[in-house]
Amino acid sequence: MIADEEHVRLQGVRGDCQREFAEAAAEDGIELQPQSFSWLCQQGHLALPDEARKAADLLERIYLALGGDLDVLATARRTRLPGDFVHEPTGTLIEIDESQHFTSARLTALDLYPDDVALGFDLDHYKALCRKWRQASDGYYRKKAAPGFGVGGRQRQRAYYDALRDLAAPSMGQPPVIRIDVPLREGRVAYRTRRERLVRLANETAPDDLVSLGN
């Protein structure tokens, strides 16, 4: 059982699936904290520093391929984007991806990732999940507007923000983002299937050892 103070902290975790995952990790002594990074904000790749220029250029291609308006993005605030978790001892971002992340827009973004991109998840597996789930997931918030993407742009914005994390994190000195696919929203089941890899994460600090953890 997790300690009372840990249970209270996890009540602030957004989403039942994320909370179940974090609780299961806490029972193994793996503490996952909420994400907050100044470079991960609503202004997207335009807020990245010069040392992340290569990632920013690729993200601009993705943003435009998704139908984004750069003029609107340039006027966005630098409000930090909420994320799922960070494992602070290693600086590794961990994202819990439910079915709404597997869309046609996300597949468009993933198809633009270069072969040598540093990822903490299997790219081909994620593309396959997008093809499997997009018919159902493309309808999620179908009519919801999103700045820069207009009416019905929420899915394209989500795909862009996912790409922003994937591509910017290594450029900013973080290990590759670990993504946990949970299309059925079973947080504890997802943790159990990745338990060995996450326990390794809790005992490692070398980024080179973390690249394959999400595979």
N, C-alpha and C. Protein backbone atom coordinates (compact mmCIF):
# COMPACT_ATOMS: atom_id res chain seq x y z
N MET A 1 0.83 -1.21 0.00
CA MET A 1 0.00 0.00 0.00
C MET A 1 0.87 1.26 0.00
N ILE A 2 0.40 2.30 -0.67
CA ILE A 2 1.17 3.53 -0.69
C ILE A 2 0.83 4.36 0.53
N ALA A 3 1.78 5.18 0.96
CA ALA A 3 1.61 6.00 2.15
C ALA A 3 0.49 7.01 1.95
N ASP A 4 -0.10 7.46 3.09
CA ASP A 4 -1.23 8.39 3.00
C ASP A 4 -0.86 9.67 2.26
N GLU A 5 0.34 10.22 2.54
CA GLU A 5 0.72 11.47 1.88
C GLU A 5 0.92 11.28 0.38
N GLU A 6 1.39 10.10 -0.01
CA GLU A 6 1.54 9.81 -1.44
C GLU A 6 0.17 9.68 -2.08
N HIS A 7 -0.77 9.07 -1.37
CA HIS A 7 -2.13 8.93 -1.90
C HIS A 7 -2.76 10.30 -2.12
N VAL A 8 -2.55 11.21 -1.18
CA VAL A 8 -3.09 12.57 -1.32
C VAL A 8 -2.48 13.26 -2.53
N ARG A 9 -1.16 13.13 -2.71
CA ARG A 9 -0.50 13.76 -3.86
C ARG A 9 -1.06 13.23 -5.17
N LEU A 10 -1.31 11.94 -5.25
CA LEU A 10 -1.78 11.34 -6.49
C LEU A 10 -3.22 11.70 -6.82
N GLN A 11 -3.96 12.20 -5.84
CA GLN A 11 -5.32 12.65 -6.14
C GLN A 11 -5.32 13.81 -7.12
N GLY A 12 -4.18 14.53 -7.20
CA GLY A 12 -4.09 15.65 -8.13
C GLY A 12 -3.68 15.25 -9.53
N VAL A 13 -3.37 13.97 -9.74
CA VAL A 13 -2.98 13.50 -11.06
C VAL A 13 -4.21 13.49 -11.96
N ARG A 14 -4.06 14.04 -13.16
CA ARG A 14 -5.21 14.15 -14.04
C ARG A 14 -5.53 12.81 -14.70
N GLY A 15 -6.78 12.39 -14.66
CA GLY A 15 -7.21 11.19 -15.34
C GLY A 15 -7.08 9.93 -14.50
N ASP A 16 -8.15 9.11 -14.53
CA ASP A 16 -8.13 7.87 -13.75
C ASP A 16 -7.03 6.93 -14.21
N CYS A 17 -6.82 6.83 -15.51
CA CYS A 17 -5.80 5.93 -16.05
C CYS A 17 -4.41 6.33 -15.57
N GLN A 18 -4.11 7.63 -15.65
CA GLN A 18 -2.81 8.13 -15.19
C GLN A 18 -2.64 7.89 -13.69
N ARG A 19 -3.69 8.11 -12.94
CA ARG A 19 -3.62 7.93 -11.48
C ARG A 19 -3.37 6.46 -11.14
N GLU A 20 -4.06 5.54 -11.81
CA GLU A 20 -3.84 4.12 -11.57
C GLU A 20 -2.39 3.73 -11.89
N PHE A 21 -1.86 4.26 -12.98
CA PHE A 21 -0.49 3.96 -13.37
C PHE A 21 0.49 4.46 -12.31
N ALA A 22 0.28 5.70 -11.86
CA ALA A 22 1.18 6.30 -10.87
C ALA A 22 1.09 5.58 -9.53
N GLU A 23 -0.11 5.17 -9.15
CA GLU A 23 -0.27 4.44 -7.90
C GLU A 23 0.45 3.11 -7.94
N ALA A 24 0.36 2.40 -9.07
CA ALA A 24 1.05 1.12 -9.21
C ALA A 24 2.56 1.32 -9.16
N ALA A 25 3.04 2.39 -9.79
CA ALA A 25 4.48 2.69 -9.74
C ALA A 25 4.91 3.02 -8.32
N ALA A 26 4.09 3.79 -7.60
CA ALA A 26 4.43 4.18 -6.23
C ALA A 26 4.53 2.96 -5.33
N GLU A 27 3.71 1.96 -5.57
CA GLU A 27 3.78 0.74 -4.77
C GLU A 27 5.10 0.01 -4.97
N ASP A 28 5.76 0.27 -6.09
CA ASP A 28 7.10 -0.28 -6.35
C ASP A 28 8.21 0.68 -5.93
N GLY A 29 7.82 1.79 -5.31
CA GLY A 29 8.81 2.76 -4.88
C GLY A 29 9.27 3.70 -5.97
N ILE A 30 8.53 3.75 -7.08
CA ILE A 30 8.89 4.64 -8.20
C ILE A 30 7.99 5.86 -8.12
N GLU A 31 8.57 6.99 -7.79
CA GLU A 31 7.79 8.22 -7.63
C GLU A 31 7.80 9.01 -8.93
N LEU A 32 6.63 9.26 -9.47
CA LEU A 32 6.48 10.03 -10.70
C LEU A 32 5.86 11.37 -10.35
N GLN A 33 6.49 12.45 -10.80
CA GLN A 33 6.04 13.80 -10.51
C GLN A 33 5.35 14.41 -11.73
N PRO A 34 4.50 15.42 -11.52
CA PRO A 34 3.90 16.14 -12.64
C PRO A 34 4.98 16.85 -13.47
N GLN A 35 4.73 16.98 -14.74
CA GLN A 35 5.67 17.67 -15.64
C GLN A 35 5.47 19.18 -15.59
N SER A 36 6.57 19.90 -15.73
CA SER A 36 6.51 21.35 -15.92
C SER A 36 7.86 21.82 -16.42
N PHE A 37 7.90 22.27 -17.68
CA PHE A 37 9.14 22.74 -18.29
C PHE A 37 8.87 24.05 -19.02
N SER A 38 9.76 25.01 -18.86
CA SER A 38 9.57 26.31 -19.49
C SER A 38 9.58 26.22 -21.01
N TRP A 39 10.32 25.27 -21.56
CA TRP A 39 10.43 25.14 -23.01
C TRP A 39 9.25 24.38 -23.62
N LEU A 40 8.41 23.80 -22.78
CA LEU A 40 7.26 23.04 -23.24
C LEU A 40 6.01 23.88 -22.97
N CYS A 41 5.68 24.72 -23.95
CA CYS A 41 4.63 25.72 -23.70
C CYS A 41 3.75 25.89 -24.92
N GLN A 42 2.72 26.73 -24.77
CA GLN A 42 1.72 26.90 -25.83
C GLN A 42 2.29 27.51 -27.10
N GLN A 43 3.46 28.12 -27.02
CA GLN A 43 4.08 28.68 -28.22
C GLN A 43 4.85 27.63 -29.01
N GLY A 44 4.83 26.41 -28.52
CA GLY A 44 5.39 25.30 -29.28
C GLY A 44 6.85 25.44 -29.65
N HIS A 45 7.17 25.05 -30.88
CA HIS A 45 8.57 25.06 -31.31
C HIS A 45 9.14 26.47 -31.43
N LEU A 46 8.27 27.48 -31.52
CA LEU A 46 8.77 28.85 -31.62
C LEU A 46 9.42 29.32 -30.32
N ALA A 47 9.15 28.61 -29.23
CA ALA A 47 9.74 28.97 -27.94
C ALA A 47 11.05 28.24 -27.67
N LEU A 48 11.44 27.33 -28.54
CA LEU A 48 12.66 26.55 -28.30
C LEU A 48 13.90 27.41 -28.55
N PRO A 49 14.95 27.19 -27.77
CA PRO A 49 16.18 27.97 -27.93
C PRO A 49 16.97 27.52 -29.16
N ASP A 50 18.02 28.26 -29.48
CA ASP A 50 18.80 27.99 -30.68
C ASP A 50 19.40 26.58 -30.70
N GLU A 51 19.75 26.05 -29.53
CA GLU A 51 20.37 24.73 -29.51
C GLU A 51 19.40 23.62 -29.91
N ALA A 52 18.12 23.94 -29.96
CA ALA A 52 17.13 22.97 -30.39
C ALA A 52 16.62 23.28 -31.79
N ARG A 53 17.41 23.99 -32.59
CA ARG A 53 16.96 24.45 -33.90
C ARG A 53 16.59 23.29 -34.83
N LYS A 54 17.37 22.21 -34.81
CA LYS A 54 17.06 21.07 -35.69
C LYS A 54 15.69 20.50 -35.37
N ALA A 55 15.39 20.34 -34.09
CA ALA A 55 14.08 19.85 -33.69
C ALA A 55 12.99 20.85 -34.05
N ALA A 56 13.27 22.14 -33.86
CA ALA A 56 12.29 23.18 -34.17
C ALA A 56 11.93 23.19 -35.65
N ASP A 57 12.93 23.00 -36.50
CA ASP A 57 12.68 22.98 -37.95
C ASP A 57 11.77 21.81 -38.32
N LEU A 58 12.04 20.65 -37.74
CA LEU A 58 11.19 19.48 -38.01
C LEU A 58 9.78 19.70 -37.46
N LEU A 59 9.69 20.27 -36.28
CA LEU A 59 8.38 20.54 -35.69
C LEU A 59 7.58 21.54 -36.51
N GLU A 60 8.26 22.49 -37.15
CA GLU A 60 7.54 23.43 -38.01
C GLU A 60 6.98 22.71 -39.23
N ARG A 61 7.72 21.77 -39.78
CA ARG A 61 7.20 20.96 -40.90
C ARG A 61 5.96 20.20 -40.46
N ILE A 62 6.01 19.63 -39.27
CA ILE A 62 4.87 18.87 -38.76
C ILE A 62 3.69 19.79 -38.50
N TYR A 63 3.95 20.93 -37.90
CA TYR A 63 2.89 21.89 -37.60
C TYR A 63 2.15 22.30 -38.88
N LEU A 64 2.91 22.60 -39.92
CA LEU A 64 2.30 23.00 -41.19
C LEU A 64 1.60 21.84 -41.88
N ALA A 65 2.17 20.63 -41.78
CA ALA A 65 1.53 19.46 -42.37
C ALA A 65 0.19 19.17 -41.72
N LEU A 66 0.05 19.55 -40.45
CA LEU A 66 -1.21 19.36 -39.73
C LEU A 66 -2.19 20.51 -39.95
N GLY A 67 -1.79 21.48 -40.77
CA GLY A 67 -2.68 22.59 -41.08
C GLY A 67 -2.62 23.74 -40.11
N GLY A 68 -1.53 23.83 -39.34
CA GLY A 68 -1.41 24.89 -38.36
C GLY A 68 -1.08 26.24 -38.96
N ASP A 69 -1.48 27.29 -38.28
CA ASP A 69 -1.25 28.68 -38.70
C ASP A 69 -0.11 29.26 -37.86
N LEU A 70 1.04 29.50 -38.47
CA LEU A 70 2.21 29.99 -37.75
C LEU A 70 1.99 31.38 -37.15
N ASP A 71 1.21 32.20 -37.81
CA ASP A 71 0.94 33.53 -37.28
C ASP A 71 0.20 33.45 -35.95
N VAL A 72 -0.73 32.51 -35.84
CA VAL A 72 -1.46 32.32 -34.59
C VAL A 72 -0.53 31.76 -33.52
N LEU A 73 0.31 30.81 -33.90
CA LEU A 73 1.24 30.22 -32.93
C LEU A 73 2.18 31.28 -32.36
N ALA A 74 2.61 32.20 -33.22
CA ALA A 74 3.54 33.24 -32.77
C ALA A 74 2.95 34.17 -31.73
N THR A 75 1.62 34.25 -31.68
CA THR A 75 0.95 35.13 -30.70
C THR A 75 0.56 34.38 -29.43
N ALA A 76 0.83 33.07 -29.38
CA ALA A 76 0.43 32.28 -28.21
C ALA A 76 1.24 32.69 -26.99
N ARG A 77 0.67 32.48 -25.83
CA ARG A 77 1.38 32.74 -24.59
C ARG A 77 2.39 31.63 -24.31
N ARG A 78 3.31 31.92 -23.42
CA ARG A 78 4.29 30.89 -23.04
C ARG A 78 3.82 30.14 -21.79
N THR A 79 2.54 29.92 -21.75
CA THR A 79 1.97 29.12 -20.66
C THR A 79 2.45 27.68 -20.77
N ARG A 80 2.94 27.13 -19.68
CA ARG A 80 3.47 25.77 -19.72
C ARG A 80 2.36 24.76 -20.02
N LEU A 81 2.69 23.76 -20.83
CA LEU A 81 1.72 22.72 -21.17
C LEU A 81 1.70 21.65 -20.07
N PRO A 82 0.51 21.24 -19.66
CA PRO A 82 0.44 20.14 -18.71
C PRO A 82 0.83 18.83 -19.40
N GLY A 83 1.48 17.96 -18.65
CA GLY A 83 1.82 16.63 -19.17
C GLY A 83 1.50 15.60 -18.13
N ASP A 84 1.90 14.38 -18.36
CA ASP A 84 1.60 13.32 -17.41
C ASP A 84 2.65 13.27 -16.30
N PHE A 85 3.83 12.72 -16.58
CA PHE A 85 4.80 12.53 -15.50
C PHE A 85 6.22 12.83 -15.94
N VAL A 86 7.07 13.06 -14.94
CA VAL A 86 8.51 13.06 -15.14
C VAL A 86 9.13 12.25 -14.02
N HIS A 87 10.10 11.41 -14.36
CA HIS A 87 10.89 10.68 -13.37
C HIS A 87 12.10 11.55 -13.09
N GLU A 88 12.04 12.29 -11.97
CA GLU A 88 13.01 13.36 -11.72
C GLU A 88 14.46 12.89 -11.61
N PRO A 89 14.76 11.72 -11.03
CA PRO A 89 16.18 11.32 -10.94
C PRO A 89 16.86 11.19 -12.30
N THR A 90 16.11 10.84 -13.34
CA THR A 90 16.69 10.71 -14.68
C THR A 90 16.24 11.82 -15.62
N GLY A 91 15.22 12.61 -15.22
CA GLY A 91 14.69 13.65 -16.09
C GLY A 91 13.86 13.12 -17.23
N THR A 92 13.37 11.88 -17.11
CA THR A 92 12.63 11.24 -18.19
C THR A 92 11.15 11.59 -18.14
N LEU A 93 10.62 12.12 -19.24
CA LEU A 93 9.19 12.36 -19.37
C LEU A 93 8.49 11.05 -19.68
N ILE A 94 7.37 10.81 -19.01
CA ILE A 94 6.57 9.60 -19.24
C ILE A 94 5.16 10.04 -19.57
N GLU A 95 4.68 9.60 -20.72
CA GLU A 95 3.34 9.95 -21.18
C GLU A 95 2.47 8.69 -21.27
N ILE A 96 1.25 8.81 -20.76
CA ILE A 96 0.28 7.71 -20.78
C ILE A 96 -0.71 8.02 -21.90
N ASP A 97 -0.66 7.26 -22.97
CA ASP A 97 -1.44 7.57 -24.17
C ASP A 97 -2.68 6.69 -24.27
N GLU A 98 -3.84 7.32 -24.04
CA GLU A 98 -5.11 6.64 -24.21
C GLU A 98 -5.52 6.71 -25.68
N SER A 99 -6.68 6.15 -25.99
CA SER A 99 -7.06 5.97 -27.39
C SER A 99 -7.11 7.26 -28.19
N GLN A 100 -7.43 8.40 -27.53
CA GLN A 100 -7.55 9.65 -28.26
C GLN A 100 -6.24 10.15 -28.85
N HIS A 101 -5.13 9.54 -28.46
CA HIS A 101 -3.82 9.91 -29.01
C HIS A 101 -3.54 9.19 -30.33
N PHE A 102 -4.33 8.18 -30.67
CA PHE A 102 -4.05 7.38 -31.85
C PHE A 102 -5.03 7.75 -32.96
N THR A 103 -4.64 8.78 -33.71
CA THR A 103 -5.51 9.39 -34.71
C THR A 103 -4.80 9.52 -36.05
N SER A 104 -5.56 9.92 -37.05
CA SER A 104 -4.96 10.20 -38.36
C SER A 104 -3.95 11.33 -38.28
N ALA A 105 -4.25 12.33 -37.45
CA ALA A 105 -3.33 13.46 -37.29
C ALA A 105 -2.02 13.01 -36.66
N ARG A 106 -2.11 12.17 -35.65
CA ARG A 106 -0.88 11.66 -35.02
C ARG A 106 -0.07 10.84 -36.02
N LEU A 107 -0.73 10.06 -36.86
CA LEU A 107 -0.03 9.28 -37.87
C LEU A 107 0.67 10.20 -38.86
N THR A 108 0.03 11.29 -39.25
CA THR A 108 0.66 12.27 -40.14
C THR A 108 1.96 12.79 -39.53
N ALA A 109 1.92 13.10 -38.24
CA ALA A 109 3.12 13.59 -37.56
C ALA A 109 4.20 12.52 -37.48
N LEU A 110 3.82 11.31 -37.09
CA LEU A 110 4.78 10.22 -36.94
C LEU A 110 5.45 9.87 -38.25
N ASP A 111 4.72 10.00 -39.35
CA ASP A 111 5.29 9.69 -40.66
C ASP A 111 6.41 10.66 -41.05
N LEU A 112 6.47 11.80 -40.39
CA LEU A 112 7.51 12.79 -40.69
C LEU A 112 8.73 12.64 -39.78
N TYR A 113 8.69 11.73 -38.81
CA TYR A 113 9.85 11.50 -37.95
C TYR A 113 10.97 10.84 -38.76
N PRO A 114 12.19 11.33 -38.68
CA PRO A 114 13.30 10.68 -39.38
C PRO A 114 13.65 9.34 -38.75
N ASP A 115 14.32 8.50 -39.53
CA ASP A 115 14.66 7.15 -39.05
C ASP A 115 15.59 7.17 -37.84
N ASP A 116 16.41 8.21 -37.73
CA ASP A 116 17.40 8.24 -36.65
C ASP A 116 16.94 9.03 -35.42
N VAL A 117 15.64 9.34 -35.34
CA VAL A 117 15.15 10.13 -34.21
C VAL A 117 15.25 9.31 -32.92
N ALA A 118 15.63 9.97 -31.83
CA ALA A 118 15.76 9.30 -30.53
C ALA A 118 14.40 9.26 -29.85
N LEU A 119 13.86 8.07 -29.68
CA LEU A 119 12.55 7.89 -29.07
C LEU A 119 12.62 6.86 -27.96
N GLY A 120 11.74 7.01 -26.99
CA GLY A 120 11.61 6.02 -25.92
C GLY A 120 10.42 5.11 -26.14
N PHE A 121 9.98 4.96 -27.37
CA PHE A 121 8.89 4.06 -27.72
C PHE A 121 9.13 3.58 -29.14
N ASP A 122 8.43 2.52 -29.52
CA ASP A 122 8.62 1.93 -30.84
C ASP A 122 7.77 2.68 -31.87
N LEU A 123 8.42 3.31 -32.83
CA LEU A 123 7.74 4.15 -33.80
C LEU A 123 6.76 3.35 -34.66
N ASP A 124 7.19 2.21 -35.16
CA ASP A 124 6.31 1.41 -36.01
C ASP A 124 5.09 0.91 -35.24
N HIS A 125 5.29 0.55 -33.97
CA HIS A 125 4.16 0.11 -33.14
C HIS A 125 3.15 1.24 -32.97
N TYR A 126 3.63 2.45 -32.77
CA TYR A 126 2.73 3.58 -32.60
C TYR A 126 1.99 3.91 -33.90
N LYS A 127 2.66 3.77 -35.03
CA LYS A 127 1.97 3.98 -36.30
C LYS A 127 0.86 2.94 -36.48
N ALA A 128 1.16 1.71 -36.11
CA ALA A 128 0.16 0.65 -36.23
C ALA A 128 -1.04 0.92 -35.32
N LEU A 129 -0.78 1.43 -34.11
CA LEU A 129 -1.89 1.77 -33.21
C LEU A 129 -2.75 2.89 -33.78
N CYS A 130 -2.12 3.85 -34.44
CA CYS A 130 -2.89 4.93 -35.08
C CYS A 130 -3.80 4.37 -36.17
N ARG A 131 -3.27 3.44 -36.97
CA ARG A 131 -4.10 2.85 -38.03
C ARG A 131 -5.25 2.04 -37.44
N LYS A 132 -4.99 1.39 -36.31
CA LYS A 132 -6.02 0.55 -35.68
C LYS A 132 -7.13 1.38 -35.05
N TRP A 133 -6.76 2.49 -34.40
CA TRP A 133 -7.71 3.24 -33.59
C TRP A 133 -8.25 4.50 -34.24
N ARG A 134 -7.69 4.91 -35.37
CA ARG A 134 -8.05 6.24 -35.88
C ARG A 134 -9.52 6.37 -36.27
N GLN A 135 -10.13 5.30 -36.75
CA GLN A 135 -11.53 5.41 -37.15
C GLN A 135 -12.40 5.82 -35.96
N ALA A 136 -12.12 5.25 -34.80
CA ALA A 136 -12.88 5.61 -33.61
C ALA A 136 -12.37 6.91 -32.99
N SER A 137 -11.04 7.09 -32.95
CA SER A 137 -10.47 8.23 -32.23
C SER A 137 -10.57 9.54 -32.99
N ASP A 138 -10.66 9.49 -34.30
CA ASP A 138 -10.77 10.74 -35.06
C ASP A 138 -12.04 11.52 -34.72
N GLY A 139 -13.03 10.84 -34.17
CA GLY A 139 -14.27 11.51 -33.80
C GLY A 139 -14.23 12.15 -32.43
N TYR A 140 -13.15 11.95 -31.69
CA TYR A 140 -13.04 12.49 -30.34
C TYR A 140 -12.83 14.00 -30.42
N TYR A 141 -13.74 14.77 -29.84
CA TYR A 141 -13.70 16.23 -29.94
C TYR A 141 -13.64 16.70 -31.40
N ARG A 142 -14.40 16.05 -32.24
CA ARG A 142 -14.34 16.34 -33.68
C ARG A 142 -14.60 17.80 -34.00
N LYS A 143 -15.50 18.45 -33.27
CA LYS A 143 -15.87 19.83 -33.59
C LYS A 143 -15.19 20.85 -32.69
N LYS A 144 -14.34 20.41 -31.77
CA LYS A 144 -13.73 21.35 -30.83
C LYS A 144 -12.63 22.15 -31.50
N ALA A 145 -12.68 23.47 -31.32
CA ALA A 145 -11.68 24.35 -31.92
C ALA A 145 -10.39 24.33 -31.11
N ALA A 146 -9.29 24.68 -31.77
CA ALA A 146 -7.99 24.78 -31.11
C ALA A 146 -7.22 25.93 -31.75
N PRO A 147 -6.59 26.78 -30.94
CA PRO A 147 -5.83 27.91 -31.50
C PRO A 147 -4.79 27.43 -32.51
N GLY A 148 -4.79 28.10 -33.65
CA GLY A 148 -3.84 27.75 -34.70
C GLY A 148 -4.34 26.70 -35.65
N PHE A 149 -5.37 25.94 -35.23
CA PHE A 149 -5.89 24.86 -36.06
C PHE A 149 -7.37 25.04 -36.39
N GLY A 150 -8.01 26.02 -35.78
CA GLY A 150 -9.38 26.34 -36.12
C GLY A 150 -10.40 25.36 -35.57
N VAL A 151 -11.63 25.47 -36.07
CA VAL A 151 -12.73 24.61 -35.65
C VAL A 151 -12.42 23.17 -36.07
N GLY A 152 -12.60 22.26 -35.13
CA GLY A 152 -12.30 20.85 -35.42
C GLY A 152 -10.82 20.53 -35.36
N GLY A 153 -10.03 21.43 -34.80
CA GLY A 153 -8.58 21.25 -34.82
C GLY A 153 -7.98 20.62 -33.57
N ARG A 154 -8.82 20.19 -32.62
CA ARG A 154 -8.28 19.69 -31.36
C ARG A 154 -7.39 18.47 -31.56
N GLN A 155 -7.77 17.55 -32.43
CA GLN A 155 -6.95 16.36 -32.65
C GLN A 155 -5.61 16.71 -33.28
N ARG A 156 -5.61 17.67 -34.20
CA ARG A 156 -4.35 18.07 -34.83
C ARG A 156 -3.45 18.78 -33.83
N GLN A 157 -4.06 19.58 -32.93
CA GLN A 157 -3.27 20.23 -31.89
C GLN A 157 -2.65 19.18 -30.96
N ARG A 158 -3.42 18.17 -30.58
CA ARG A 158 -2.90 17.11 -29.71
C ARG A 158 -1.72 16.40 -30.37
N ALA A 159 -1.86 16.12 -31.65
CA ALA A 159 -0.78 15.44 -32.38
C ALA A 159 0.48 16.30 -32.42
N TYR A 160 0.29 17.60 -32.59
CA TYR A 160 1.45 18.51 -32.59
C TYR A 160 2.11 18.56 -31.23
N TYR A 161 1.32 18.69 -30.17
CA TYR A 161 1.89 18.74 -28.83
C TYR A 161 2.61 17.44 -28.47
N ASP A 162 2.07 16.31 -28.92
CA ASP A 162 2.77 15.03 -28.70
C ASP A 162 4.12 15.04 -29.40
N ALA A 163 4.14 15.53 -30.64
CA ALA A 163 5.40 15.61 -31.38
C ALA A 163 6.36 16.58 -30.72
N LEU A 164 5.83 17.68 -30.17
CA LEU A 164 6.67 18.65 -29.48
C LEU A 164 7.43 17.99 -28.34
N ARG A 165 6.75 17.20 -27.54
CA ARG A 165 7.43 16.48 -26.45
C ARG A 165 8.46 15.50 -27.00
N ASP A 166 8.04 14.70 -27.98
CA ASP A 166 8.93 13.67 -28.51
C ASP A 166 10.23 14.24 -29.04
N LEU A 167 10.14 15.33 -29.80
CA LEU A 167 11.29 15.83 -30.53
C LEU A 167 12.09 16.88 -29.78
N ALA A 168 11.41 17.65 -28.94
CA ALA A 168 12.12 18.71 -28.22
C ALA A 168 12.87 18.19 -27.01
N ALA A 169 12.31 17.19 -26.32
CA ALA A 169 12.92 16.73 -25.07
C ALA A 169 14.40 16.34 -25.24
N PRO A 170 14.77 15.48 -26.20
CA PRO A 170 16.18 15.15 -26.34
C PRO A 170 17.05 16.35 -26.70
N SER A 171 16.49 17.28 -27.47
CA SER A 171 17.23 18.49 -27.84
C SER A 171 17.47 19.40 -26.64
N MET A 172 16.65 19.26 -25.62
CA MET A 172 16.78 20.07 -24.41
C MET A 172 17.51 19.33 -23.29
N GLY A 173 18.18 18.24 -23.65
CA GLY A 173 19.00 17.53 -22.69
C GLY A 173 18.28 16.48 -21.87
N GLN A 174 17.01 16.23 -22.18
CA GLN A 174 16.26 15.19 -21.48
C GLN A 174 16.45 13.86 -22.21
N PRO A 175 16.30 12.73 -21.51
CA PRO A 175 16.26 11.44 -22.20
C PRO A 175 15.04 11.37 -23.13
N PRO A 176 15.03 10.45 -24.07
CA PRO A 176 13.85 10.29 -24.93
C PRO A 176 12.58 10.05 -24.11
N VAL A 177 11.49 10.61 -24.59
CA VAL A 177 10.20 10.48 -23.91
C VAL A 177 9.74 9.02 -23.97
N ILE A 178 9.35 8.49 -22.82
CA ILE A 178 8.76 7.16 -22.77
C ILE A 178 7.26 7.31 -22.91
N ARG A 179 6.69 6.60 -23.87
CA ARG A 179 5.25 6.61 -24.08
C ARG A 179 4.69 5.23 -23.77
N ILE A 180 3.64 5.21 -22.97
CA ILE A 180 2.97 3.98 -22.59
C ILE A 180 1.60 3.97 -23.27
N ASP A 181 1.40 3.07 -24.22
CA ASP A 181 0.12 3.03 -24.92
C ASP A 181 -0.92 2.29 -24.06
N VAL A 182 -2.02 3.00 -23.80
CA VAL A 182 -3.09 2.45 -22.96
C VAL A 182 -4.44 2.74 -23.64
N PRO A 183 -4.65 2.22 -24.85
CA PRO A 183 -5.89 2.57 -25.57
C PRO A 183 -7.16 2.13 -24.84
N LEU A 184 -7.06 1.11 -24.00
CA LEU A 184 -8.23 0.63 -23.26
C LEU A 184 -8.35 1.26 -21.88
N ARG A 185 -7.44 2.20 -21.56
CA ARG A 185 -7.49 2.97 -20.32
C ARG A 185 -7.37 2.10 -19.06
N GLU A 186 -6.50 1.11 -19.13
CA GLU A 186 -6.27 0.23 -17.98
C GLU A 186 -4.88 0.54 -17.42
N GLY A 187 -4.84 1.52 -16.50
CA GLY A 187 -3.56 2.02 -16.02
C GLY A 187 -2.73 0.98 -15.28
N ARG A 188 -3.36 0.21 -14.41
CA ARG A 188 -2.60 -0.80 -13.66
C ARG A 188 -2.11 -1.92 -14.56
N VAL A 189 -2.93 -2.31 -15.52
CA VAL A 189 -2.51 -3.34 -16.47
C VAL A 189 -1.31 -2.85 -17.27
N ALA A 190 -1.37 -1.60 -17.70
CA ALA A 190 -0.26 -1.02 -18.47
C ALA A 190 1.01 -1.00 -17.65
N TYR A 191 0.90 -0.65 -16.37
CA TYR A 191 2.10 -0.64 -15.53
C TYR A 191 2.68 -2.03 -15.40
N ARG A 192 1.83 -3.03 -15.16
CA ARG A 192 2.33 -4.40 -14.98
C ARG A 192 3.07 -4.90 -16.20
N THR A 193 2.59 -4.54 -17.40
CA THR A 193 3.25 -5.01 -18.61
C THR A 193 4.59 -4.33 -18.85
N ARG A 194 4.80 -3.15 -18.24
CA ARG A 194 6.07 -2.43 -18.40
C ARG A 194 6.87 -2.40 -17.10
N ARG A 195 6.41 -3.15 -16.10
CA ARG A 195 7.01 -3.04 -14.78
C ARG A 195 8.52 -3.23 -14.79
N GLU A 196 9.00 -4.25 -15.46
CA GLU A 196 10.43 -4.53 -15.46
C GLU A 196 11.22 -3.36 -16.02
N ARG A 197 10.72 -2.76 -17.09
CA ARG A 197 11.43 -1.64 -17.71
C ARG A 197 11.41 -0.41 -16.82
N LEU A 198 10.29 -0.19 -16.14
CA LEU A 198 10.21 1.00 -15.28
C LEU A 198 11.02 0.83 -14.00
N VAL A 199 11.12 -0.40 -13.52
CA VAL A 199 11.99 -0.65 -12.38
C VAL A 199 13.44 -0.40 -12.78
N ARG A 200 13.79 -0.77 -13.99
CA ARG A 200 15.12 -0.46 -14.50
C ARG A 200 15.33 1.05 -14.57
N LEU A 201 14.32 1.75 -15.01
CA LEU A 201 14.40 3.22 -15.08
C LEU A 201 14.71 3.81 -13.72
N ALA A 202 14.07 3.27 -12.69
CA ALA A 202 14.26 3.79 -11.34
C ALA A 202 15.67 3.55 -10.82
N ASN A 203 16.39 2.65 -11.46
CA ASN A 203 17.74 2.32 -11.01
C ASN A 203 18.83 2.74 -11.98
N GLU A 204 18.45 3.47 -13.01
CA GLU A 204 19.41 3.90 -14.01
C GLU A 204 19.45 5.42 -14.07
N THR A 205 20.59 5.96 -14.47
CA THR A 205 20.70 7.40 -14.68
C THR A 205 21.29 7.73 -16.03
N ALA A 206 21.80 6.74 -16.75
CA ALA A 206 22.45 7.00 -18.05
C ALA A 206 21.41 7.06 -19.15
N PRO A 207 21.28 8.20 -19.86
CA PRO A 207 20.28 8.33 -20.91
C PRO A 207 20.36 7.24 -21.97
N ASP A 208 21.58 6.75 -22.29
CA ASP A 208 21.70 5.75 -23.33
C ASP A 208 20.93 4.48 -22.99
N ASP A 209 20.76 4.21 -21.71
CA ASP A 209 20.06 3.01 -21.28
C ASP A 209 18.55 3.18 -21.31
N LEU A 210 18.08 4.41 -21.52
CA LEU A 210 16.65 4.68 -21.42
C LEU A 210 15.94 4.65 -22.77
N VAL A 211 16.69 4.68 -23.86
CA VAL A 211 16.07 4.82 -25.18
C VAL A 211 15.12 3.69 -25.47
N SER A 212 15.43 2.45 -25.04
CA SER A 212 14.62 1.31 -25.38
C SER A 212 13.55 0.99 -24.35
N LEU A 213 13.45 1.77 -23.29
CA LEU A 213 12.54 1.42 -22.21
C LEU A 213 11.08 1.43 -22.63
N GLY A 214 10.70 2.26 -23.58
CA GLY A 214 9.31 2.32 -23.96
C GLY A 214 8.94 1.33 -25.04
N ASN A 215 9.89 0.55 -25.54
CA ASN A 215 9.60 -0.38 -26.64
C ASN A 215 8.85 -1.61 -26.15
